[in-house]
Amino acid sequence: MLQLLSLTLAYDDTRFFGSVMFTDTDRPDDKPAAVLIDHTDISPWFRLTNVDPDGQDPTVPEMVEADRIMQFILRYTPDRIGRTAADFPQP
């Protein structure tokens, strides 16, 4: 099970970048998983890149969780990246 270790985002008027790190509570001695976050100009308005080159599949748990976190953040703060709530439909 993943546990959020760190979330860092930096914004300017229309762009952002950052990272999210997770620990695995089932394997606490393993190196934390890290996912990089970058702005894109097309929906969903961000791109995720797993630091682990073998973990790029969007179904990898840390990628799924990073996507969920970013969808949540951007849904409630779309103006931070020059978007509106209509760009982030509610599920």
N, C-alpha and C. Protein backbone atom coordinates (compact mmCIF):
# COMPACT_ATOMS: atom_id res chain seq x y z
N MET A 1 0.84 -1.17 0.00
CA MET A 1 0.00 0.00 0.00
C MET A 1 0.89 1.24 0.00
N LEU A 2 0.56 2.18 -0.87
CA LEU A 2 1.35 3.41 -0.97
C LEU A 2 0.94 4.43 0.07
N GLN A 3 1.92 5.17 0.55
CA GLN A 3 1.68 6.27 1.47
C GLN A 3 2.41 7.48 0.91
N LEU A 4 1.72 8.61 0.85
CA LEU A 4 2.31 9.84 0.34
C LEU A 4 3.46 10.28 1.26
N LEU A 5 4.60 10.49 0.66
CA LEU A 5 5.78 10.93 1.41
C LEU A 5 6.03 12.42 1.19
N SER A 6 5.88 12.87 -0.07
CA SER A 6 6.18 14.26 -0.39
C SER A 6 5.44 14.66 -1.66
N LEU A 7 4.94 15.89 -1.70
CA LEU A 7 4.33 16.47 -2.89
C LEU A 7 4.87 17.88 -3.02
N THR A 8 5.48 18.16 -4.16
CA THR A 8 6.05 19.48 -4.42
C THR A 8 5.55 19.96 -5.76
N LEU A 9 4.96 21.14 -5.80
CA LEU A 9 4.51 21.76 -7.05
C LEU A 9 4.98 23.21 -7.07
N ALA A 10 5.46 23.63 -8.21
CA ALA A 10 5.84 25.03 -8.41
C ALA A 10 4.99 25.56 -9.56
N TYR A 11 4.39 26.71 -9.37
CA TYR A 11 3.50 27.33 -10.36
C TYR A 11 4.07 28.67 -10.83
N ASP A 12 3.79 29.01 -12.09
CA ASP A 12 3.86 30.41 -12.49
C ASP A 12 2.45 30.76 -12.96
N ASP A 13 2.25 31.71 -13.83
CA ASP A 13 0.90 32.12 -14.20
C ASP A 13 0.11 31.08 -14.98
N THR A 14 0.79 30.22 -15.73
CA THR A 14 0.06 29.26 -16.56
C THR A 14 0.67 27.88 -16.58
N ARG A 15 1.79 27.67 -15.94
CA ARG A 15 2.47 26.38 -16.00
C ARG A 15 2.83 25.91 -14.59
N PHE A 16 3.21 24.64 -14.50
CA PHE A 16 3.64 24.09 -13.23
C PHE A 16 4.55 22.89 -13.47
N PHE A 17 5.27 22.53 -12.47
CA PHE A 17 6.05 21.30 -12.48
C PHE A 17 6.25 20.87 -11.04
N GLY A 18 6.65 19.64 -10.83
CA GLY A 18 6.87 19.16 -9.48
C GLY A 18 7.12 17.68 -9.44
N SER A 19 6.93 17.13 -8.26
CA SER A 19 7.12 15.69 -8.07
C SER A 19 6.27 15.22 -6.90
N VAL A 20 6.04 13.94 -6.91
CA VAL A 20 5.33 13.30 -5.81
C VAL A 20 6.11 12.03 -5.47
N MET A 21 6.29 11.79 -4.17
CA MET A 21 7.02 10.62 -3.72
C MET A 21 6.14 9.79 -2.79
N PHE A 22 6.28 8.48 -2.92
CA PHE A 22 5.51 7.54 -2.11
C PHE A 22 6.43 6.52 -1.46
N THR A 23 6.03 6.06 -0.29
CA THR A 23 6.66 4.90 0.31
C THR A 23 5.67 3.76 0.22
N ASP A 24 6.17 2.55 0.23
CA ASP A 24 5.32 1.37 0.21
C ASP A 24 5.29 0.81 1.63
N THR A 25 4.14 0.89 2.28
CA THR A 25 4.05 0.46 3.67
C THR A 25 4.29 -1.04 3.83
N ASP A 26 4.12 -1.80 2.74
CA ASP A 26 4.40 -3.23 2.80
C ASP A 26 5.89 -3.53 2.67
N ARG A 27 6.65 -2.57 2.13
CA ARG A 27 8.11 -2.71 1.97
C ARG A 27 8.79 -1.40 2.41
N PRO A 28 8.79 -1.12 3.70
CA PRO A 28 9.27 0.17 4.19
C PRO A 28 10.77 0.43 3.95
N ASP A 29 11.56 -0.60 3.71
CA ASP A 29 13.00 -0.40 3.50
C ASP A 29 13.36 -0.15 2.06
N ASP A 30 12.39 -0.27 1.14
CA ASP A 30 12.65 0.01 -0.28
C ASP A 30 12.81 1.50 -0.51
N LYS A 31 13.52 1.83 -1.58
CA LYS A 31 13.67 3.23 -1.99
C LYS A 31 12.29 3.80 -2.34
N PRO A 32 11.99 5.04 -1.94
CA PRO A 32 10.68 5.63 -2.27
C PRO A 32 10.48 5.74 -3.78
N ALA A 33 9.25 5.57 -4.21
CA ALA A 33 8.88 5.76 -5.62
C ALA A 33 8.67 7.25 -5.86
N ALA A 34 9.16 7.74 -6.99
CA ALA A 34 9.02 9.16 -7.32
C ALA A 34 8.43 9.31 -8.71
N VAL A 35 7.49 10.22 -8.84
CA VAL A 35 6.85 10.53 -10.12
C VAL A 35 7.01 12.03 -10.37
N LEU A 36 7.54 12.37 -11.53
CA LEU A 36 7.70 13.77 -11.91
C LEU A 36 6.43 14.28 -12.59
N ILE A 37 6.11 15.54 -12.36
CA ILE A 37 4.90 16.15 -12.89
C ILE A 37 5.31 17.34 -13.75
N ASP A 38 4.73 17.44 -14.94
CA ASP A 38 5.04 18.55 -15.83
C ASP A 38 3.77 19.02 -16.50
N HIS A 39 3.70 20.29 -16.79
CA HIS A 39 2.56 20.91 -17.45
C HIS A 39 2.51 20.49 -18.93
N THR A 40 1.30 20.32 -19.46
CA THR A 40 1.10 20.16 -20.90
C THR A 40 -0.03 21.09 -21.32
N ASP A 41 -0.11 21.37 -22.60
CA ASP A 41 -1.14 22.27 -23.11
C ASP A 41 -2.40 21.55 -23.57
N ILE A 42 -2.47 20.24 -23.36
CA ILE A 42 -3.66 19.47 -23.72
C ILE A 42 -4.16 18.71 -22.50
N SER A 43 -5.44 18.40 -22.52
CA SER A 43 -6.05 17.67 -21.41
C SER A 43 -5.31 16.35 -21.21
N PRO A 44 -5.01 15.97 -20.00
CA PRO A 44 -5.48 16.44 -18.70
C PRO A 44 -4.64 17.57 -18.11
N TRP A 45 -3.83 18.26 -18.92
CA TRP A 45 -3.05 19.44 -18.56
C TRP A 45 -1.79 19.12 -17.77
N PHE A 46 -1.48 17.84 -17.58
CA PHE A 46 -0.23 17.47 -16.93
C PHE A 46 0.27 16.16 -17.51
N ARG A 47 1.59 15.94 -17.36
CA ARG A 47 2.23 14.70 -17.81
C ARG A 47 2.97 14.13 -16.62
N LEU A 48 2.86 12.82 -16.44
CA LEU A 48 3.55 12.13 -15.35
C LEU A 48 4.68 11.28 -15.92
N THR A 49 5.82 11.31 -15.26
CA THR A 49 6.95 10.48 -15.65
C THR A 49 7.49 9.81 -14.40
N ASN A 50 7.46 8.49 -14.39
CA ASN A 50 7.99 7.76 -13.25
C ASN A 50 9.51 7.78 -13.32
N VAL A 51 10.17 8.03 -12.20
CA VAL A 51 11.62 8.03 -12.15
C VAL A 51 12.15 6.63 -12.47
N ASP A 52 11.40 5.61 -12.11
CA ASP A 52 11.75 4.23 -12.43
C ASP A 52 11.42 3.99 -13.90
N PRO A 53 12.42 3.76 -14.76
CA PRO A 53 12.13 3.58 -16.19
C PRO A 53 11.22 2.40 -16.49
N ASP A 54 11.15 1.43 -15.59
CA ASP A 54 10.26 0.28 -15.79
C ASP A 54 8.84 0.55 -15.29
N GLY A 55 8.60 1.73 -14.72
CA GLY A 55 7.31 2.04 -14.12
C GLY A 55 6.50 3.07 -14.89
N GLN A 56 6.69 3.19 -16.20
CA GLN A 56 6.00 4.20 -16.99
C GLN A 56 4.55 3.85 -17.30
N ASP A 57 4.17 2.60 -17.14
CA ASP A 57 2.80 2.17 -17.41
C ASP A 57 1.85 2.94 -16.51
N PRO A 58 0.78 3.54 -17.08
CA PRO A 58 -0.14 4.33 -16.26
C PRO A 58 -0.90 3.52 -15.21
N THR A 59 -0.82 2.18 -15.27
CA THR A 59 -1.50 1.35 -14.27
C THR A 59 -0.61 1.00 -13.08
N VAL A 60 0.66 1.42 -13.12
CA VAL A 60 1.56 1.20 -11.98
C VAL A 60 1.00 2.00 -10.80
N PRO A 61 0.94 1.41 -9.60
CA PRO A 61 0.28 2.08 -8.47
C PRO A 61 0.71 3.51 -8.22
N GLU A 62 1.99 3.82 -8.29
CA GLU A 62 2.41 5.20 -8.01
C GLU A 62 1.96 6.16 -9.12
N MET A 63 1.85 5.66 -10.35
CA MET A 63 1.34 6.51 -11.44
C MET A 63 -0.16 6.76 -11.26
N VAL A 64 -0.89 5.74 -10.87
CA VAL A 64 -2.33 5.88 -10.63
C VAL A 64 -2.58 6.88 -9.52
N GLU A 65 -1.83 6.75 -8.45
CA GLU A 65 -2.03 7.65 -7.31
C GLU A 65 -1.61 9.08 -7.62
N ALA A 66 -0.50 9.25 -8.35
CA ALA A 66 -0.07 10.60 -8.75
C ALA A 66 -1.12 11.24 -9.65
N ASP A 67 -1.70 10.47 -10.57
CA ASP A 67 -2.76 10.98 -11.44
C ASP A 67 -3.97 11.42 -10.62
N ARG A 68 -4.36 10.60 -9.66
CA ARG A 68 -5.51 10.92 -8.81
C ARG A 68 -5.27 12.21 -8.03
N ILE A 69 -4.07 12.37 -7.49
CA ILE A 69 -3.73 13.57 -6.73
C ILE A 69 -3.77 14.80 -7.62
N MET A 70 -3.18 14.70 -8.81
CA MET A 70 -3.16 15.86 -9.71
C MET A 70 -4.56 16.22 -10.20
N GLN A 71 -5.38 15.23 -10.50
CA GLN A 71 -6.76 15.51 -10.90
C GLN A 71 -7.49 16.26 -9.79
N PHE A 72 -7.28 15.84 -8.56
CA PHE A 72 -7.92 16.50 -7.41
C PHE A 72 -7.44 17.95 -7.27
N ILE A 73 -6.12 18.15 -7.29
CA ILE A 73 -5.57 19.49 -7.12
C ILE A 73 -6.05 20.43 -8.21
N LEU A 74 -5.96 19.99 -9.46
CA LEU A 74 -6.32 20.87 -10.56
C LEU A 74 -7.82 21.10 -10.67
N ARG A 75 -8.61 20.15 -10.21
CA ARG A 75 -10.06 20.34 -10.22
C ARG A 75 -10.47 21.50 -9.31
N TYR A 76 -9.74 21.67 -8.21
CA TYR A 76 -10.11 22.71 -7.25
C TYR A 76 -9.28 23.98 -7.37
N THR A 77 -8.26 23.99 -8.22
CA THR A 77 -7.46 25.19 -8.42
C THR A 77 -7.13 25.39 -9.90
N PRO A 78 -8.10 25.30 -10.80
CA PRO A 78 -7.79 25.40 -12.23
C PRO A 78 -7.24 26.77 -12.62
N ASP A 79 -7.63 27.80 -11.89
CA ASP A 79 -7.16 29.15 -12.22
C ASP A 79 -5.66 29.29 -12.02
N ARG A 80 -5.06 28.42 -11.22
CA ARG A 80 -3.61 28.47 -10.99
C ARG A 80 -2.82 28.20 -12.27
N ILE A 81 -3.45 27.49 -13.25
CA ILE A 81 -2.76 27.20 -14.50
C ILE A 81 -3.50 27.78 -15.69
N GLY A 82 -4.30 28.82 -15.45
CA GLY A 82 -4.99 29.50 -16.53
C GLY A 82 -6.15 28.73 -17.12
N ARG A 83 -6.76 27.85 -16.34
CA ARG A 83 -7.90 27.04 -16.81
C ARG A 83 -9.14 27.39 -16.00
N THR A 84 -10.26 26.78 -16.38
CA THR A 84 -11.51 26.98 -15.66
C THR A 84 -12.01 25.62 -15.17
N ALA A 85 -13.01 25.65 -14.32
CA ALA A 85 -13.58 24.41 -13.79
C ALA A 85 -14.12 23.52 -14.92
N ALA A 86 -14.56 24.13 -16.03
CA ALA A 86 -15.07 23.34 -17.15
C ALA A 86 -14.01 22.45 -17.78
N ASP A 87 -12.74 22.79 -17.59
CA ASP A 87 -11.64 21.95 -18.09
C ASP A 87 -11.46 20.68 -17.27
N PHE A 88 -12.10 20.62 -16.11
CA PHE A 88 -11.95 19.49 -15.19
C PHE A 88 -13.32 18.97 -14.77
N PRO A 89 -13.99 18.23 -15.64
CA PRO A 89 -15.33 17.74 -15.31
C PRO A 89 -15.30 16.84 -14.08
N GLN A 90 -16.34 16.93 -13.30
CA GLN A 90 -16.46 16.08 -12.11
C GLN A 90 -16.73 14.63 -12.53
N PRO A 91 -16.14 13.67 -11.82
CA PRO A 91 -16.37 12.25 -12.19
C PRO A 91 -17.78 11.80 -11.89
